[in-house]
């Protein structure tokens, strides 16, 4: 996707992804390969983790809409090549945790997606994302 037009956001706002969206099916092996590559990239680009995790739900039977959303992540990456995790040496390192949830964001099964990240000093050292069926999860 060299020379593609970059985008400022990973996903189209106000658009909920569905298993059956009525569009044509995409090539499963190409879609799975792309999602696998994006998952590998999340080690140094945690900003794409939620969108990649969301699209990985459709690896069984991806549609052209799902494939277009995956290509949008590539267009986002094209415009943010300078982003990444930077670790710097400081004497004043502080442990900080972040968490967020979309509260029943999945249209198909009403599951929530929760994410968390921990940083020490200047860079993230631990992050994760989890899909939960119901209720609230507290991580201490």
N, C-alpha and C. Protein backbone atom coordinates (compact mmCIF):
# COMPACT_ATOMS: atom_id res chain seq x y z
N UNK A 1 0.83 -1.19 0.00
CA UNK A 1 0.00 0.00 0.00
C UNK A 1 0.88 1.25 0.00
N UNK A 2 2.00 1.13 -0.66
CA UNK A 2 2.91 2.26 -0.79
C UNK A 2 2.22 3.39 -1.55
N UNK A 3 2.30 4.58 -1.01
CA UNK A 3 1.71 5.73 -1.67
C UNK A 3 0.22 5.88 -1.46
N UNK A 4 -0.38 5.10 -0.58
CA UNK A 4 -1.82 5.21 -0.36
C UNK A 4 -2.15 6.48 0.42
N UNK A 5 -3.39 6.91 0.35
CA UNK A 5 -3.84 8.09 1.09
C UNK A 5 -4.04 7.69 2.55
N UNK A 6 -3.36 8.39 3.45
CA UNK A 6 -3.46 8.04 4.87
C UNK A 6 -4.77 8.55 5.46
N UNK A 7 -5.18 7.94 6.58
CA UNK A 7 -6.37 8.36 7.31
C UNK A 7 -5.97 8.67 8.75
N UNK A 8 -6.78 9.49 9.41
CA UNK A 8 -6.46 9.93 10.77
C UNK A 8 -6.99 8.99 11.85
N UNK A 9 -7.97 8.16 11.51
CA UNK A 9 -8.57 7.25 12.50
C UNK A 9 -8.49 5.81 12.02
N UNK A 10 -8.43 4.90 12.99
CA UNK A 10 -8.32 3.47 12.66
C UNK A 10 -9.61 2.89 12.11
N UNK A 11 -10.73 3.28 12.69
CA UNK A 11 -12.03 2.75 12.29
C UNK A 11 -12.95 3.89 11.90
N UNK A 12 -13.96 3.59 11.10
CA UNK A 12 -14.95 4.59 10.75
C UNK A 12 -15.85 4.79 11.96
N UNK A 13 -15.96 6.04 12.41
CA UNK A 13 -16.80 6.33 13.56
C UNK A 13 -18.27 6.06 13.22
N UNK A 14 -19.04 5.70 14.21
CA UNK A 14 -20.48 5.42 14.08
C UNK A 14 -20.78 4.17 13.27
N UNK A 15 -19.78 3.34 12.97
CA UNK A 15 -20.02 2.11 12.22
C UNK A 15 -19.76 0.91 13.11
N UNK A 16 -20.78 0.08 13.30
CA UNK A 16 -20.65 -1.13 14.10
C UNK A 16 -20.39 -2.31 13.16
N UNK A 17 -19.38 -3.10 13.48
CA UNK A 17 -19.04 -4.27 12.67
C UNK A 17 -20.00 -5.41 13.02
N UNK A 18 -20.47 -6.15 11.99
CA UNK A 18 -21.39 -7.28 12.20
C UNK A 18 -20.86 -8.50 11.46
N UNK A 19 -21.21 -9.68 11.98
CA UNK A 19 -20.80 -10.92 11.31
C UNK A 19 -21.46 -11.04 9.94
N UNK A 20 -22.72 -10.75 9.85
CA UNK A 20 -23.44 -10.83 8.58
C UNK A 20 -23.83 -9.42 8.17
N UNK A 21 -23.05 -8.83 7.28
CA UNK A 21 -23.33 -7.45 6.86
C UNK A 21 -23.90 -7.36 5.45
N UNK A 22 -24.13 -8.51 4.81
CA UNK A 22 -24.74 -8.53 3.49
C UNK A 22 -23.79 -8.28 2.32
N UNK A 23 -22.52 -8.08 2.58
CA UNK A 23 -21.58 -7.84 1.49
C UNK A 23 -20.91 -9.14 1.05
N UNK A 24 -20.19 -9.08 -0.07
CA UNK A 24 -19.49 -10.26 -0.59
C UNK A 24 -18.43 -10.72 0.39
N UNK A 25 -18.11 -11.99 0.30
CA UNK A 25 -17.06 -12.56 1.16
C UNK A 25 -15.68 -12.26 0.59
N UNK A 26 -14.73 -12.05 1.49
CA UNK A 26 -13.34 -11.78 1.09
C UNK A 26 -12.55 -13.08 1.13
N UNK A 27 -11.37 -13.07 0.55
CA UNK A 27 -10.47 -14.23 0.57
C UNK A 27 -10.01 -14.47 2.00
N UNK A 28 -10.36 -15.63 2.55
CA UNK A 28 -10.08 -15.95 3.96
C UNK A 28 -8.58 -15.97 4.24
N UNK A 29 -7.79 -16.58 3.37
CA UNK A 29 -6.36 -16.71 3.66
C UNK A 29 -5.65 -15.36 3.64
N UNK A 30 -6.01 -14.48 2.73
CA UNK A 30 -5.39 -13.15 2.68
C UNK A 30 -5.80 -12.34 3.92
N UNK A 31 -7.08 -12.42 4.29
CA UNK A 31 -7.56 -11.68 5.47
C UNK A 31 -6.87 -12.17 6.73
N UNK A 32 -6.77 -13.49 6.89
CA UNK A 32 -6.11 -14.04 8.08
C UNK A 32 -4.64 -13.65 8.13
N UNK A 33 -3.98 -13.66 6.99
CA UNK A 33 -2.58 -13.26 6.94
C UNK A 33 -2.40 -11.80 7.33
N UNK A 34 -3.29 -10.95 6.84
CA UNK A 34 -3.22 -9.53 7.16
C UNK A 34 -3.46 -9.30 8.65
N UNK A 35 -4.47 -9.94 9.22
CA UNK A 35 -4.76 -9.78 10.65
C UNK A 35 -3.60 -10.32 11.49
N UNK A 36 -3.02 -11.45 11.09
CA UNK A 36 -1.87 -11.99 11.81
C UNK A 36 -0.69 -11.03 11.79
N UNK A 37 -0.46 -10.40 10.66
CA UNK A 37 0.62 -9.41 10.56
C UNK A 37 0.34 -8.20 11.45
N UNK A 38 -0.91 -7.75 11.47
CA UNK A 38 -1.27 -6.62 12.32
C UNK A 38 -1.14 -6.98 13.80
N UNK A 39 -1.52 -8.21 14.17
CA UNK A 39 -1.35 -8.64 15.56
C UNK A 39 0.12 -8.65 15.96
N UNK A 40 0.98 -9.08 15.06
CA UNK A 40 2.42 -9.05 15.32
C UNK A 40 2.90 -7.61 15.52
N UNK A 41 2.36 -6.71 14.75
CA UNK A 41 2.76 -5.31 14.81
C UNK A 41 2.31 -4.63 16.11
N UNK A 42 1.28 -5.15 16.77
CA UNK A 42 0.81 -4.52 18.02
C UNK A 42 1.86 -4.54 19.12
N UNK A 43 2.91 -5.34 18.99
CA UNK A 43 3.98 -5.35 19.99
C UNK A 43 4.68 -3.99 20.07
N UNK A 44 4.76 -3.30 18.95
CA UNK A 44 5.40 -1.98 18.94
C UNK A 44 4.42 -0.85 18.62
N UNK A 45 3.21 -1.20 18.23
CA UNK A 45 2.20 -0.20 17.92
C UNK A 45 0.91 -0.54 18.68
N UNK A 46 0.88 -0.30 20.00
CA UNK A 46 -0.30 -0.65 20.78
C UNK A 46 -1.54 0.15 20.40
N UNK A 47 -1.39 1.23 19.66
CA UNK A 47 -2.54 2.03 19.25
C UNK A 47 -3.46 1.29 18.28
N UNK A 48 -2.98 0.24 17.63
CA UNK A 48 -3.83 -0.50 16.69
C UNK A 48 -4.42 -1.76 17.31
N UNK A 49 -4.18 -2.00 18.59
CA UNK A 49 -4.62 -3.25 19.20
C UNK A 49 -6.13 -3.43 19.20
N UNK A 50 -6.89 -2.41 19.59
CA UNK A 50 -8.34 -2.57 19.65
C UNK A 50 -8.92 -2.87 18.27
N UNK A 51 -8.55 -2.08 17.28
CA UNK A 51 -9.10 -2.27 15.94
C UNK A 51 -8.72 -3.64 15.38
N UNK A 52 -7.49 -4.07 15.61
CA UNK A 52 -7.04 -5.38 15.12
C UNK A 52 -7.78 -6.50 15.84
N UNK A 53 -7.96 -6.36 17.14
CA UNK A 53 -8.70 -7.36 17.91
C UNK A 53 -10.15 -7.44 17.44
N UNK A 54 -10.74 -6.30 17.17
CA UNK A 54 -12.12 -6.27 16.68
C UNK A 54 -12.23 -7.02 15.36
N UNK A 55 -11.32 -6.78 14.44
CA UNK A 55 -11.37 -7.43 13.13
C UNK A 55 -11.04 -8.92 13.21
N UNK A 56 -10.28 -9.33 14.22
CA UNK A 56 -9.93 -10.75 14.35
C UNK A 56 -11.16 -11.60 14.65
N UNK A 57 -12.24 -10.99 15.09
CA UNK A 57 -13.49 -11.73 15.35
C UNK A 57 -14.12 -12.26 14.06
N UNK A 58 -13.71 -11.70 12.94
CA UNK A 58 -14.34 -12.05 11.66
C UNK A 58 -13.45 -12.93 10.79
N UNK A 59 -12.45 -13.57 11.37
CA UNK A 59 -11.52 -14.39 10.58
C UNK A 59 -12.16 -15.67 10.05
N UNK A 60 -13.24 -16.12 10.65
CA UNK A 60 -13.93 -17.33 10.18
C UNK A 60 -14.52 -17.13 8.79
N UNK A 61 -15.17 -15.98 8.60
CA UNK A 61 -15.84 -15.71 7.33
C UNK A 61 -15.83 -14.20 7.06
N UNK A 62 -14.68 -13.65 6.65
CA UNK A 62 -14.59 -12.20 6.47
C UNK A 62 -15.33 -11.72 5.22
N UNK A 63 -15.89 -10.52 5.34
CA UNK A 63 -16.57 -9.91 4.20
C UNK A 63 -15.68 -8.83 3.60
N UNK A 64 -16.12 -8.28 2.48
CA UNK A 64 -15.39 -7.18 1.85
C UNK A 64 -15.35 -5.96 2.77
N UNK A 65 -16.40 -5.76 3.58
CA UNK A 65 -16.43 -4.65 4.54
C UNK A 65 -15.33 -4.85 5.58
N UNK A 66 -15.19 -6.08 6.08
CA UNK A 66 -14.14 -6.40 7.06
C UNK A 66 -12.75 -6.18 6.45
N UNK A 67 -12.58 -6.62 5.21
CA UNK A 67 -11.29 -6.46 4.53
C UNK A 67 -10.98 -4.97 4.32
N UNK A 68 -12.00 -4.20 3.99
CA UNK A 68 -11.82 -2.75 3.83
C UNK A 68 -11.40 -2.09 5.14
N UNK A 69 -11.97 -2.56 6.26
CA UNK A 69 -11.60 -2.02 7.57
C UNK A 69 -10.15 -2.38 7.91
N UNK A 70 -9.72 -3.58 7.53
CA UNK A 70 -8.33 -3.98 7.76
C UNK A 70 -7.37 -3.14 6.91
N UNK A 71 -7.77 -2.86 5.67
CA UNK A 71 -6.93 -2.01 4.82
C UNK A 71 -6.89 -0.58 5.36
N UNK A 72 -7.95 -0.16 6.03
CA UNK A 72 -7.95 1.18 6.65
C UNK A 72 -6.88 1.27 7.73
N UNK A 73 -6.66 0.18 8.48
CA UNK A 73 -5.59 0.17 9.48
C UNK A 73 -4.25 0.38 8.79
N UNK A 74 -4.05 -0.25 7.64
CA UNK A 74 -2.80 -0.05 6.90
C UNK A 74 -2.65 1.40 6.45
N UNK A 75 -3.75 2.02 6.04
CA UNK A 75 -3.70 3.42 5.64
C UNK A 75 -3.39 4.31 6.84
N UNK A 76 -3.91 3.96 8.01
CA UNK A 76 -3.59 4.69 9.24
C UNK A 76 -2.10 4.56 9.55
N UNK A 77 -1.58 3.35 9.42
CA UNK A 77 -0.16 3.12 9.69
C UNK A 77 0.73 3.91 8.73
N UNK A 78 0.31 4.02 7.48
CA UNK A 78 1.07 4.79 6.49
C UNK A 78 1.23 6.24 6.93
N UNK A 79 0.19 6.80 7.56
CA UNK A 79 0.25 8.19 8.00
C UNK A 79 0.88 8.40 9.35
N UNK A 80 1.18 7.31 10.06
CA UNK A 80 1.73 7.43 11.42
C UNK A 80 3.00 6.60 11.57
N UNK A 81 3.83 6.60 10.56
CA UNK A 81 5.05 5.80 10.58
C UNK A 81 6.00 6.19 11.72
N UNK A 82 5.92 7.43 12.15
CA UNK A 82 6.83 7.89 13.21
C UNK A 82 6.34 7.51 14.61
N UNK A 83 5.16 6.92 14.74
CA UNK A 83 4.64 6.51 16.05
C UNK A 83 5.35 5.24 16.51
N UNK A 84 5.35 5.01 17.81
CA UNK A 84 5.94 3.80 18.36
C UNK A 84 6.12 3.95 19.86
N UNK A 85 6.76 3.00 20.47
CA UNK A 85 7.03 3.05 21.90
C UNK A 85 8.46 3.54 22.10
N UNK A 86 8.61 4.54 22.91
CA UNK A 86 9.94 5.09 23.21
C UNK A 86 10.22 4.90 24.68
N UNK A 87 11.35 4.31 24.98
CA UNK A 87 11.79 4.14 26.37
C UNK A 87 12.98 5.07 26.60
N UNK A 88 12.83 5.95 27.58
CA UNK A 88 13.93 6.85 27.91
C UNK A 88 14.33 6.65 29.36
N UNK A 89 15.53 6.97 29.67
CA UNK A 89 16.05 6.83 31.03
C UNK A 89 15.73 8.09 31.83
N UNK A 90 14.96 7.92 32.89
CA UNK A 90 14.64 9.04 33.78
C UNK A 90 14.78 8.58 35.22
N UNK A 91 15.07 9.52 36.08
CA UNK A 91 15.18 9.18 37.50
C UNK A 91 13.82 9.25 38.18
N UNK A 92 12.83 9.81 37.51
CA UNK A 92 11.51 9.98 38.10
C UNK A 92 10.48 9.12 37.36
N UNK A 93 10.64 7.81 37.40
CA UNK A 93 9.71 6.90 36.72
C UNK A 93 8.48 6.69 37.59
N UNK A 94 7.32 6.74 36.95
CA UNK A 94 6.07 6.58 37.67
C UNK A 94 5.25 5.48 36.98
N UNK A 95 4.69 4.57 37.77
CA UNK A 95 3.82 3.51 37.24
C UNK A 95 2.42 4.08 37.04
N UNK A 96 1.91 3.96 35.82
CA UNK A 96 0.59 4.49 35.49
C UNK A 96 -0.20 3.40 34.78
N UNK A 97 -1.48 3.24 35.15
CA UNK A 97 -2.35 2.28 34.50
C UNK A 97 -3.53 2.96 33.83
N UNK A 98 -3.96 2.41 32.71
CA UNK A 98 -5.10 2.93 31.96
C UNK A 98 -6.04 1.77 31.67
N UNK A 99 -7.34 2.04 31.63
CA UNK A 99 -8.31 1.01 31.27
C UNK A 99 -9.49 1.65 30.56
N UNK A 100 -10.18 0.88 29.73
CA UNK A 100 -11.35 1.38 29.02
C UNK A 100 -12.19 0.18 28.59
N UNK A 101 -13.46 0.43 28.32
CA UNK A 101 -14.36 -0.62 27.84
C UNK A 101 -15.38 -0.01 26.90
N UNK A 102 -15.90 -0.82 25.98
CA UNK A 102 -16.93 -0.32 25.07
C UNK A 102 -18.34 -0.74 25.50
N UNK A 103 -18.49 -1.46 26.59
CA UNK A 103 -19.78 -1.84 27.18
C UNK A 103 -20.79 -2.32 26.14
N UNK A 104 -20.75 -3.60 25.87
CA UNK A 104 -21.66 -4.28 24.94
C UNK A 104 -21.56 -3.70 23.53
N UNK A 105 -20.36 -3.49 23.07
CA UNK A 105 -20.13 -2.90 21.75
C UNK A 105 -20.35 -3.85 20.59
N UNK A 106 -20.36 -5.16 20.83
CA UNK A 106 -20.55 -6.13 19.75
C UNK A 106 -22.04 -6.26 19.43
N UNK A 107 -22.41 -5.95 18.21
CA UNK A 107 -23.81 -6.01 17.79
C UNK A 107 -24.31 -7.45 17.77
N UNK A 108 -23.44 -8.40 17.42
CA UNK A 108 -23.85 -9.79 17.25
C UNK A 108 -24.17 -10.50 18.57
N UNK A 109 -23.35 -10.32 19.59
CA UNK A 109 -23.54 -11.08 20.83
C UNK A 109 -23.54 -10.22 22.09
N UNK A 110 -23.53 -8.91 21.94
CA UNK A 110 -23.58 -7.95 23.05
C UNK A 110 -22.43 -8.13 24.04
N UNK A 111 -21.30 -8.61 23.57
CA UNK A 111 -20.12 -8.73 24.43
C UNK A 111 -19.43 -7.37 24.53
N UNK A 112 -18.78 -7.16 25.66
CA UNK A 112 -18.00 -5.94 25.88
C UNK A 112 -16.53 -6.24 25.61
N UNK A 113 -15.81 -5.24 25.18
CA UNK A 113 -14.37 -5.36 25.01
C UNK A 113 -13.71 -4.40 25.98
N UNK A 114 -12.83 -4.95 26.81
CA UNK A 114 -12.10 -4.14 27.79
C UNK A 114 -10.62 -4.18 27.45
N UNK A 115 -9.97 -3.07 27.66
CA UNK A 115 -8.54 -3.01 27.40
C UNK A 115 -7.83 -2.35 28.56
N UNK A 116 -6.56 -2.68 28.72
CA UNK A 116 -5.76 -2.08 29.79
C UNK A 116 -4.32 -1.96 29.33
N UNK A 117 -3.65 -0.97 29.91
CA UNK A 117 -2.24 -0.74 29.58
C UNK A 117 -1.54 -0.16 30.81
N UNK A 118 -0.29 -0.56 31.00
CA UNK A 118 0.51 -0.05 32.10
C UNK A 118 1.81 0.50 31.54
N UNK A 119 2.19 1.66 32.03
CA UNK A 119 3.46 2.26 31.60
C UNK A 119 4.31 2.56 32.82
N UNK A 120 5.59 2.52 32.60
CA UNK A 120 6.57 2.87 33.62
C UNK A 120 7.54 3.84 32.97
N UNK A 121 7.49 5.07 33.42
CA UNK A 121 8.33 6.08 32.78
C UNK A 121 7.73 6.51 31.47
N UNK A 122 8.45 6.31 30.39
CA UNK A 122 8.03 6.86 29.10
C UNK A 122 7.33 5.88 28.17
N UNK A 123 7.31 4.59 28.47
CA UNK A 123 6.75 3.63 27.52
C UNK A 123 5.87 2.58 28.15
N UNK A 124 4.96 2.04 27.36
CA UNK A 124 4.07 0.97 27.81
C UNK A 124 4.87 -0.32 27.89
N UNK A 125 4.70 -1.06 28.99
CA UNK A 125 5.39 -2.33 29.12
C UNK A 125 4.42 -3.51 29.24
N UNK A 126 3.13 -3.26 29.46
CA UNK A 126 2.16 -4.34 29.57
C UNK A 126 0.81 -3.83 29.09
N UNK A 127 0.20 -4.56 28.17
CA UNK A 127 -1.12 -4.18 27.71
C UNK A 127 -1.90 -5.42 27.32
N UNK A 128 -3.20 -5.29 27.32
CA UNK A 128 -4.04 -6.42 26.96
C UNK A 128 -5.43 -5.97 26.59
N UNK A 129 -6.14 -6.88 25.98
CA UNK A 129 -7.51 -6.63 25.58
C UNK A 129 -8.29 -7.92 25.81
N UNK A 130 -9.53 -7.79 26.29
CA UNK A 130 -10.30 -8.98 26.62
C UNK A 130 -11.76 -8.74 26.28
N UNK A 131 -12.39 -9.78 25.76
CA UNK A 131 -13.81 -9.72 25.46
C UNK A 131 -14.55 -10.40 26.60
N UNK A 132 -15.54 -9.71 27.17
CA UNK A 132 -16.31 -10.26 28.28
C UNK A 132 -17.78 -10.33 27.90
N UNK A 133 -18.45 -11.34 28.40
CA UNK A 133 -19.85 -11.55 28.06
C UNK A 133 -20.77 -10.58 28.79
N UNK A 134 -20.59 -10.42 30.07
CA UNK A 134 -21.49 -9.55 30.82
C UNK A 134 -20.82 -9.07 32.10
N UNK A 135 -21.43 -8.11 32.71
CA UNK A 135 -20.93 -7.64 33.99
C UNK A 135 -19.70 -6.77 33.85
N UNK A 136 -19.13 -6.49 34.98
CA UNK A 136 -17.98 -5.60 35.06
C UNK A 136 -16.78 -6.39 35.55
N UNK A 137 -15.64 -6.18 34.95
CA UNK A 137 -14.41 -6.84 35.37
C UNK A 137 -13.50 -5.81 36.01
N UNK A 138 -13.04 -6.10 37.20
CA UNK A 138 -12.13 -5.20 37.89
C UNK A 138 -10.78 -5.89 37.98
N UNK A 139 -9.75 -5.22 37.52
CA UNK A 139 -8.40 -5.76 37.57
C UNK A 139 -7.61 -4.90 38.53
N UNK A 140 -7.12 -5.51 39.58
CA UNK A 140 -6.32 -4.75 40.57
C UNK A 140 -4.88 -5.14 40.49
